[in-house]
Structure formats: structure tokens, C-alpha cells
Amino acid sequence: MMAMFVQAFWFGSKLVRDGSISPGTVMAVFWAC
């Protein structure tokens, strides 16, 4: 579980750097999952 969410934050930060999604969207997806 912890590895899954660490992986999710890493991939989410990559999407934020690429400008694909906002940090708020990352947190929303994270909490929904």
C-alpha cells in the first residue's frame, strides 16, 4: 500500500511538471483512490 502511494506521488509530480494536471487534481485522485 505504501509503495503504491509513493509510486502515485512520483508519477503525479511528473504529470504536474509536464503541466498535464494540477497539484489539486493529484491530491483529489490520491484521496479518491
PDB file of all heavy atoms in Angstrom:
ATOM      1  N   MET A   1       0.836  -1.207   0.000  1.00  0.00           N
ATOM      2  CA  MET A   1       0.000   0.000   0.000  1.00  0.00           C
ATOM      3  C   MET A   1       0.869   1.255   0.000  1.00  0.00           C
ATOM      4  O   MET A   1       0.650   2.203  -0.773  1.00  0.00           O
ATOM      5  CB  MET A   1      -0.916  -0.006   1.225  1.00  0.00           C
ATOM      6  CG  MET A   1      -2.087  -0.968   1.127  1.00  0.00           C
ATOM      7  SD  MET A   1      -3.425  -0.332   0.101  1.00  0.00           S
ATOM      8  CE  MET A   1      -4.014   1.008   1.111  1.00  0.00           C
ATOM      9  N   MET A   2       1.887   1.287   0.879  1.00  0.00           N
ATOM     10  CA  MET A   2       2.751   2.449   0.936  1.00  0.00           C
ATOM     11  C   MET A   2       3.539   2.630  -0.372  1.00  0.00           C
ATOM     12  O   MET A   2       3.692   3.752  -0.876  1.00  0.00           O
ATOM     13  CB  MET A   2       3.728   2.312   2.114  1.00  0.00           C
ATOM     14  CG  MET A   2       3.068   2.348   3.483  1.00  0.00           C
ATOM     15  SD  MET A   2       2.153   3.899   3.787  1.00  0.00           S
ATOM     16  CE  MET A   2       0.450   3.359   3.517  1.00  0.00           C
ATOM     17  N   ALA A   3       4.030   1.486  -0.913  1.00  0.00           N
ATOM     18  CA  ALA A   3       4.761   1.565  -2.169  1.00  0.00           C
ATOM     19  C   ALA A   3       3.861   2.081  -3.291  1.00  0.00           C
ATOM     20  O   ALA A   3       4.294   2.853  -4.161  1.00  0.00           O
ATOM     21  CB  ALA A   3       5.323   0.191  -2.526  1.00  0.00           C
ATOM     22  N   MET A   4       2.600   1.670  -3.253  1.00  0.00           N
ATOM     23  CA  MET A   4       1.663   2.111  -4.277  1.00  0.00           C
ATOM     24  C   MET A   4       1.478   3.627  -4.234  1.00  0.00           C
ATOM     25  O   MET A   4       1.509   4.302  -5.274  1.00  0.00           O
ATOM     26  CB  MET A   4       0.317   1.401  -4.068  1.00  0.00           C
ATOM     27  CG  MET A   4      -0.788   1.814  -5.040  1.00  0.00           C
ATOM     28  SD  MET A   4      -2.322   0.917  -4.724  1.00  0.00           S
ATOM     29  CE  MET A   4      -2.797   1.625  -3.147  1.00  0.00           C
ATOM     30  N   PHE A   5       1.339   4.183  -3.061  1.00  0.00           N
ATOM     31  CA  PHE A   5       1.099   5.618  -2.967  1.00  0.00           C
ATOM     32  C   PHE A   5       2.387   6.431  -3.193  1.00  0.00           C
ATOM     33  O   PHE A   5       2.335   7.561  -3.701  1.00  0.00           O
ATOM     34  CB  PHE A   5       0.466   5.955  -1.620  1.00  0.00           C
ATOM     35  CG  PHE A   5      -0.966   5.516  -1.537  1.00  0.00           C
ATOM     36  CD1 PHE A   5      -1.352   4.516  -0.664  1.00  0.00           C
ATOM     37  CD2 PHE A   5      -1.933   6.094  -2.346  1.00  0.00           C
ATOM     38  CE1 PHE A   5      -2.658   4.110  -0.597  1.00  0.00           C
ATOM     39  CE2 PHE A   5      -3.247   5.698  -2.279  1.00  0.00           C
ATOM     40  CZ  PHE A   5      -3.623   4.691  -1.410  1.00  0.00           C
ATOM     41  N   VAL A   6       3.536   5.864  -2.819  1.00  0.00           N
ATOM     42  CA  VAL A   6       4.796   6.535  -3.158  1.00  0.00           C
ATOM     43  C   VAL A   6       4.940   6.624  -4.674  1.00  0.00           C
ATOM     44  O   VAL A   6       5.317   7.674  -5.232  1.00  0.00           O
ATOM     45  CB  VAL A   6       5.988   5.786  -2.527  1.00  0.00           C
ATOM     46  CG1 VAL A   6       7.308   6.297  -3.099  1.00  0.00           C
ATOM     47  CG2 VAL A   6       5.979   5.944  -1.016  1.00  0.00           C
ATOM     48  N   GLN A   7       4.627   5.509  -5.334  1.00  0.00           N
ATOM     49  CA  GLN A   7       4.669   5.482  -6.793  1.00  0.00           C
ATOM     50  C   GLN A   7       3.672   6.484  -7.377  1.00  0.00           C
ATOM     51  O   GLN A   7       3.955   7.174  -8.370  1.00  0.00           O
ATOM     52  CB  GLN A   7       4.353   4.070  -7.275  1.00  0.00           C
ATOM     53  CG  GLN A   7       4.247   3.920  -8.783  1.00  0.00           C
ATOM     54  CD  GLN A   7       3.874   2.513  -9.173  1.00  0.00           C
ATOM     55  OE1 GLN A   7       4.751   1.682  -9.386  1.00  0.00           O
ATOM     56  NE2 GLN A   7       2.591   2.238  -9.256  1.00  0.00           N
ATOM     57  N   ALA A   8       2.493   6.593  -6.742  1.00  0.00           N
ATOM     58  CA  ALA A   8       1.475   7.519  -7.240  1.00  0.00           C
ATOM     59  C   ALA A   8       1.944   8.966  -7.111  1.00  0.00           C
ATOM     60  O   ALA A   8       1.738   9.781  -8.031  1.00  0.00           O
ATOM     61  CB  ALA A   8       0.178   7.314  -6.457  1.00  0.00           C
ATOM     62  N   PHE A   9       2.590   9.308  -5.992  1.00  0.00           N
ATOM     63  CA  PHE A   9       3.070  10.682  -5.820  1.00  0.00           C
ATOM     64  C   PHE A   9       4.193  10.991  -6.821  1.00  0.00           C
ATOM     65  O   PHE A   9       4.290  12.105  -7.348  1.00  0.00           O
ATOM     66  CB  PHE A   9       3.554  10.904  -4.387  1.00  0.00           C
ATOM     67  CG  PHE A   9       2.452  11.295  -3.448  1.00  0.00           C
ATOM     68  CD1 PHE A   9       2.083  10.479  -2.390  1.00  0.00           C
ATOM     69  CD2 PHE A   9       1.763  12.489  -3.640  1.00  0.00           C
ATOM     70  CE1 PHE A   9       1.074  10.835  -1.536  1.00  0.00           C
ATOM     71  CE2 PHE A   9       0.740  12.853  -2.779  1.00  0.00           C
ATOM     72  CZ  PHE A   9       0.388  12.022  -1.728  1.00  0.00           C
ATOM     73  N   TRP A  10       5.036   9.991  -7.059  1.00  0.00           N
ATOM     74  CA  TRP A  10       6.123  10.224  -8.038  1.00  0.00           C
ATOM     75  C   TRP A  10       5.549  10.481  -9.428  1.00  0.00           C
ATOM     76  O   TRP A  10       5.929  11.428 -10.105  1.00  0.00           O
ATOM     77  CB  TRP A  10       7.036   9.004  -8.067  1.00  0.00           C
ATOM     78  CG  TRP A  10       8.028   9.062  -9.198  1.00  0.00           C
ATOM     79  CD1 TRP A  10       9.206   9.751  -9.232  1.00  0.00           C
ATOM     80  CD2 TRP A  10       7.882   8.431 -10.472  1.00  0.00           C
ATOM     81  NE1 TRP A  10       9.824   9.594 -10.442  1.00  0.00           N
ATOM     82  CE2 TRP A  10       9.032   8.778 -11.232  1.00  0.00           C
ATOM     83  CE3 TRP A  10       6.920   7.614 -11.057  1.00  0.00           C
ATOM     84  CZ2 TRP A  10       9.225   8.340 -12.537  1.00  0.00           C
ATOM     85  CZ3 TRP A  10       7.106   7.166 -12.341  1.00  0.00           C
ATOM     86  CH2 TRP A  10       8.244   7.529 -13.075  1.00  0.00           C
ATOM     87  N   PHE A  11       4.584   9.625  -9.833  1.00  0.00           N
ATOM     88  CA  PHE A  11       4.008   9.809 -11.160  1.00  0.00           C
ATOM     89  C   PHE A  11       3.178  11.087 -11.216  1.00  0.00           C
ATOM     90  O   PHE A  11       3.150  11.796 -12.234  1.00  0.00           O
ATOM     91  CB  PHE A  11       3.145   8.595 -11.506  1.00  0.00           C
ATOM     92  CG  PHE A  11       2.624   8.608 -12.913  1.00  0.00           C
ATOM     93  CD1 PHE A  11       3.464   8.354 -13.990  1.00  0.00           C
ATOM     94  CD2 PHE A  11       1.291   8.902 -13.179  1.00  0.00           C
ATOM     95  CE1 PHE A  11       2.988   8.369 -15.296  1.00  0.00           C
ATOM     96  CE2 PHE A  11       0.813   8.926 -14.477  1.00  0.00           C
ATOM     97  CZ  PHE A  11       1.655   8.652 -15.537  1.00  0.00           C
ATOM     98  N   GLY A  12       2.499  11.424 -10.119  1.00  0.00           N
ATOM     99  CA  GLY A  12       1.710  12.657 -10.075  1.00  0.00           C
ATOM    100  C   GLY A  12       2.575  13.891 -10.190  1.00  0.00           C
ATOM    101  O   GLY A  12       2.224  14.858 -10.897  1.00  0.00           O
ATOM    102  N   SER A  13       3.737  13.880  -9.497  1.00  0.00           N
ATOM    103  CA  SER A  13       4.652  15.031  -9.595  1.00  0.00           C
ATOM    104  C   SER A  13       5.187  15.177 -11.008  1.00  0.00           C
ATOM    105  O   SER A  13       5.393  16.295 -11.502  1.00  0.00           O
ATOM    106  CB  SER A  13       5.791  14.872  -8.592  1.00  0.00           C
ATOM    107  OG  SER A  13       6.560  13.715  -8.905  1.00  0.00           O
ATOM    108  N   LYS A  14       5.409  14.049 -11.681  1.00  0.00           N
ATOM    109  CA  LYS A  14       5.881  14.100 -13.069  1.00  0.00           C
ATOM    110  C   LYS A  14       4.821  14.728 -13.970  1.00  0.00           C
ATOM    111  O   LYS A  14       5.141  15.564 -14.845  1.00  0.00           O
ATOM    112  CB  LYS A  14       6.190  12.685 -13.540  1.00  0.00           C
ATOM    113  CG  LYS A  14       6.715  12.598 -14.977  1.00  0.00           C
ATOM    114  CD  LYS A  14       7.047  11.167 -15.333  1.00  0.00           C
ATOM    115  CE  LYS A  14       7.551  11.086 -16.780  1.00  0.00           C
ATOM    116  NZ  LYS A  14       6.570  11.569 -17.752  1.00  0.00           N
ATOM    117  N   LEU A  15       3.541  14.343 -13.733  1.00  0.00           N
ATOM    118  CA  LEU A  15       2.463  14.937 -14.530  1.00  0.00           C
ATOM    119  C   LEU A  15       2.330  16.428 -14.261  1.00  0.00           C
ATOM    120  O   LEU A  15       2.032  17.219 -15.168  1.00  0.00           O
ATOM    121  CB  LEU A  15       1.135  14.225 -14.239  1.00  0.00           C
ATOM    122  CG  LEU A  15       1.024  12.764 -14.698  1.00  0.00           C
ATOM    123  CD1 LEU A  15      -0.318  12.176 -14.278  1.00  0.00           C
ATOM    124  CD2 LEU A  15       1.195  12.659 -16.212  1.00  0.00           C
ATOM    125  N   VAL A  16       2.565  16.845 -13.009  1.00  0.00           N
ATOM    126  CA  VAL A  16       2.482  18.275 -12.666  1.00  0.00           C
ATOM    127  C   VAL A  16       3.607  19.042 -13.359  1.00  0.00           C
ATOM    128  O   VAL A  16       3.401  20.143 -13.885  1.00  0.00           O
ATOM    129  CB  VAL A  16       2.537  18.470 -11.136  1.00  0.00           C
ATOM    130  CG1 VAL A  16       2.664  19.950 -10.787  1.00  0.00           C
ATOM    131  CG2 VAL A  16       1.278  17.886 -10.491  1.00  0.00           C
ATOM    132  N   ARG A  17       4.834  18.460 -13.371  1.00  0.00           N
ATOM    133  CA  ARG A  17       5.954  19.131 -14.039  1.00  0.00           C
ATOM    134  C   ARG A  17       5.703  19.263 -15.539  1.00  0.00           C
ATOM    135  O   ARG A  17       6.081  20.255 -16.160  1.00  0.00           O
ATOM    136  CB  ARG A  17       7.253  18.349 -13.801  1.00  0.00           C
ATOM    137  CG  ARG A  17       7.813  18.479 -12.396  1.00  0.00           C
ATOM    138  CD  ARG A  17       9.262  18.023 -12.344  1.00  0.00           C
ATOM    139  NE  ARG A  17       9.433  16.666 -12.895  1.00  0.00           N
ATOM    140  CZ  ARG A  17       9.367  15.568 -12.170  1.00  0.00           C
ATOM    141  NH1 ARG A  17       9.112  15.648 -10.860  1.00  0.00           N
ATOM    142  NH2 ARG A  17       9.555  14.388 -12.748  1.00  0.00           N
ATOM    143  N   ASP A  18       5.053  18.246 -16.102  1.00  0.00           N
ATOM    144  CA  ASP A  18       4.743  18.298 -17.532  1.00  0.00           C
ATOM    145  C   ASP A  18       3.567  19.215 -17.846  1.00  0.00           C
ATOM    146  O   ASP A  18       3.273  19.478 -19.019  1.00  0.00           O
ATOM    147  CB  ASP A  18       4.434  16.896 -18.065  1.00  0.00           C
ATOM    148  CG  ASP A  18       5.649  15.974 -17.988  1.00  0.00           C
ATOM    149  OD1 ASP A  18       6.779  16.506 -17.870  1.00  0.00           O
ATOM    150  OD2 ASP A  18       5.466  14.739 -18.017  1.00  0.00           O
ATOM    151  N   GLY A  19       2.884  19.695 -16.804  1.00  0.00           N
ATOM    152  CA  GLY A  19       1.742  20.574 -16.996  1.00  0.00           C
ATOM    153  C   GLY A  19       0.475  19.853 -17.425  1.00  0.00           C
ATOM    154  O   GLY A  19      -0.484  20.493 -17.882  1.00  0.00           O
ATOM    155  N   SER A  20       0.455  18.516 -17.272  1.00  0.00           N
ATOM    156  CA  SER A  20      -0.735  17.755 -17.684  1.00  0.00           C
ATOM    157  C   SER A  20      -1.898  17.958 -16.724  1.00  0.00           C
ATOM    158  O   SER A  20      -3.065  18.068 -17.137  1.00  0.00           O
ATOM    159  CB  SER A  20      -0.401  16.256 -17.783  1.00  0.00           C
ATOM    160  OG  SER A  20       0.633  16.040 -18.724  1.00  0.00           O
ATOM    161  N   ILE A  21      -1.596  17.979 -15.417  1.00  0.00           N
ATOM    162  CA  ILE A  21      -2.640  18.171 -14.393  1.00  0.00           C
ATOM    163  C   ILE A  21      -2.107  19.105 -13.330  1.00  0.00           C
ATOM    164  O   ILE A  21      -0.904  19.383 -13.267  1.00  0.00           O
ATOM    165  CB  ILE A  21      -3.082  16.831 -13.761  1.00  0.00           C
ATOM    166  CG1 ILE A  21      -1.873  16.131 -13.126  1.00  0.00           C
ATOM    167  CG2 ILE A  21      -3.788  15.933 -14.767  1.00  0.00           C
ATOM    168  CD1 ILE A  21      -2.256  14.861 -12.387  1.00  0.00           C
ATOM    169  N   SER A  22      -3.004  19.571 -12.468  1.00  0.00           N
ATOM    170  CA  SER A  22      -2.629  20.468 -11.378  1.00  0.00           C
ATOM    171  C   SER A  22      -2.370  19.678 -10.105  1.00  0.00           C
ATOM    172  O   SER A  22      -2.812  18.529  -9.974  1.00  0.00           O
ATOM    173  CB  SER A  22      -3.751  21.480 -11.135  1.00  0.00           C
ATOM    174  OG  SER A  22      -4.920  20.804 -10.686  1.00  0.00           O
ATOM    175  N   PRO A  23      -1.653  20.270  -9.143  1.00  0.00           N
ATOM    176  CA  PRO A  23      -1.422  19.567  -7.871  1.00  0.00           C
ATOM    177  C   PRO A  23      -2.728  19.205  -7.157  1.00  0.00           C
ATOM    178  O   PRO A  23      -2.821  18.159  -6.504  1.00  0.00           O
ATOM    179  CB  PRO A  23      -0.602  20.584  -7.061  1.00  0.00           C
ATOM    180  CG  PRO A  23       0.084  21.413  -8.097  1.00  0.00           C
ATOM    181  CD  PRO A  23      -0.884  21.524  -9.230  1.00  0.00           C
ATOM    182  N   GLY A  24      -3.733  20.066  -7.282  1.00  0.00           N
ATOM    183  CA  GLY A  24      -5.018  19.762  -6.655  1.00  0.00           C
ATOM    184  C   GLY A  24      -5.645  18.506  -7.228  1.00  0.00           C
ATOM    185  O   GLY A  24      -6.263  17.700  -6.497  1.00  0.00           O
ATOM    186  N   THR A  25      -5.501  18.316  -8.556  1.00  0.00           N
ATOM    187  CA  THR A  25      -6.053  17.106  -9.177  1.00  0.00           C
ATOM    188  C   THR A  25      -5.329  15.859  -8.667  1.00  0.00           C
ATOM    189  O   THR A  25      -5.960  14.808  -8.435  1.00  0.00           O
ATOM    190  CB  THR A  25      -5.928  17.203 -10.703  1.00  0.00           C
ATOM    191  OG1 THR A  25      -6.609  18.367 -11.155  1.00  0.00           O
ATOM    192  CG2 THR A  25      -6.507  15.967 -11.370  1.00  0.00           C
ATOM    193  N   VAL A  26      -4.010  15.981  -8.494  1.00  0.00           N
ATOM    194  CA  VAL A  26      -3.249  14.843  -7.962  1.00  0.00           C
ATOM    195  C   VAL A  26      -3.772  14.442  -6.591  1.00  0.00           C
ATOM    196  O   VAL A  26      -3.984  13.253  -6.305  1.00  0.00           O
ATOM    197  CB  VAL A  26      -1.748  15.187  -7.902  1.00  0.00           C
ATOM    198  CG1 VAL A  26      -0.971  14.068  -7.182  1.00  0.00           C
ATOM    199  CG2 VAL A  26      -1.192  15.404  -9.289  1.00  0.00           C
ATOM    200  N   MET A  27      -3.975  15.431  -5.711  1.00  0.00           N
ATOM    201  CA  MET A  27      -4.473  15.135  -4.363  1.00  0.00           C
ATOM    202  C   MET A  27      -5.888  14.569  -4.411  1.00  0.00           C
ATOM    203  O   MET A  27      -6.237  13.655  -3.644  1.00  0.00           O
ATOM    204  CB  MET A  27      -4.438  16.405  -3.519  1.00  0.00           C
ATOM    205  CG  MET A  27      -3.029  16.913  -3.226  1.00  0.00           C
ATOM    206  SD  MET A  27      -1.986  15.649  -2.436  1.00  0.00           S
ATOM    207  CE  MET A  27      -2.895  15.362  -0.921  1.00  0.00           C
ATOM    208  N   ALA A  28      -6.717  15.107  -5.345  1.00  0.00           N
ATOM    209  CA  ALA A  28      -8.087  14.595  -5.443  1.00  0.00           C
ATOM    210  C   ALA A  28      -8.094  13.130  -5.870  1.00  0.00           C
ATOM    211  O   ALA A  28      -8.815  12.290  -5.300  1.00  0.00           O
ATOM    212  CB  ALA A  28      -8.886  15.454  -6.437  1.00  0.00           C
ATOM    213  N   VAL A  29      -7.282  12.789  -6.868  1.00  0.00           N
ATOM    214  CA  VAL A  29      -7.199  11.400  -7.329  1.00  0.00           C
ATOM    215  C   VAL A  29      -6.628  10.510  -6.231  1.00  0.00           C
ATOM    216  O   VAL A  29      -7.109   9.383  -5.995  1.00  0.00           O
ATOM    217  CB  VAL A  29      -6.346  11.315  -8.609  1.00  0.00           C
ATOM    218  CG1 VAL A  29      -6.105   9.859  -8.998  1.00  0.00           C
ATOM    219  CG2 VAL A  29      -7.021  12.059  -9.746  1.00  0.00           C
ATOM    220  N   PHE A  30      -5.592  11.030  -5.543  1.00  0.00           N
ATOM    221  CA  PHE A  30      -4.963  10.257  -4.472  1.00  0.00           C
ATOM    222  C   PHE A  30      -5.987   9.896  -3.388  1.00  0.00           C
ATOM    223  O   PHE A  30      -6.117   8.733  -2.990  1.00  0.00           O
ATOM    224  CB  PHE A  30      -3.810  11.063  -3.879  1.00  0.00           C
ATOM    225  CG  PHE A  30      -3.217  10.441  -2.642  1.00  0.00           C
ATOM    226  CD1 PHE A  30      -2.297   9.418  -2.737  1.00  0.00           C
ATOM    227  CD2 PHE A  30      -3.591  10.893  -1.380  1.00  0.00           C
ATOM    228  CE1 PHE A  30      -1.763   8.843  -1.604  1.00  0.00           C
ATOM    229  CE2 PHE A  30      -3.055  10.324  -0.242  1.00  0.00           C
ATOM    230  CZ  PHE A  30      -2.141   9.296  -0.345  1.00  0.00           C
ATOM    231  N   TRP A  31      -6.720  10.889  -2.894  1.00  0.00           N
ATOM    232  CA  TRP A  31      -7.686  10.632  -1.822  1.00  0.00           C
ATOM    233  C   TRP A  31      -8.869   9.787  -2.299  1.00  0.00           C
ATOM    234  O   TRP A  31      -9.402   8.957  -1.540  1.00  0.00           O
ATOM    235  CB  TRP A  31      -8.185  11.952  -1.237  1.00  0.00           C
ATOM    236  CG  TRP A  31      -7.187  12.587  -0.317  1.00  0.00           C
ATOM    237  CD1 TRP A  31      -6.448  13.709  -0.546  1.00  0.00           C
ATOM    238  CD2 TRP A  31      -6.818  12.096   0.969  1.00  0.00           C
ATOM    239  NE1 TRP A  31      -5.614  13.975   0.519  1.00  0.00           N
ATOM    240  CE2 TRP A  31      -5.827  12.989   1.476  1.00  0.00           C
ATOM    241  CE3 TRP A  31      -7.183  11.012   1.741  1.00  0.00           C
ATOM    242  CZ2 TRP A  31      -5.234  12.815   2.704  1.00  0.00           C
ATOM    243  CZ3 TRP A  31      -6.586  10.841   2.983  1.00  0.00           C
ATOM    244  CH2 TRP A  31      -5.624  11.742   3.449  1.00  0.00           C
ATOM    245  N   ALA A  32      -9.282   9.972  -3.541  1.00  0.00           N
ATOM    246  CA  ALA A  32     -10.369   9.149  -4.068  1.00  0.00           C
ATOM    247  C   ALA A  32      -9.951   7.680  -4.110  1.00  0.00           C
ATOM    248  O   ALA A  32     -10.717   6.782  -3.709  1.00  0.00           O
ATOM    249  CB  ALA A  32     -10.773   9.632  -5.450  1.00  0.00           C
ATOM    250  N   CYS A  33      -8.744   7.405  -4.572  1.00  0.00           N
ATOM    251  CA  CYS A  33      -8.260   6.023  -4.619  1.00  0.00           C
ATOM    252  C   CYS A  33      -8.038   5.465  -3.216  1.00  0.00           C
ATOM    253  O   CYS A  33      -8.284   4.272  -2.952  1.00  0.00           O
ATOM    254  CB  CYS A  33      -6.956   5.946  -5.417  1.00  0.00           C
ATOM    255  SG  CYS A  33      -7.177   6.257  -7.178  1.00  0.00           S
TER     256      CYS A  33
END
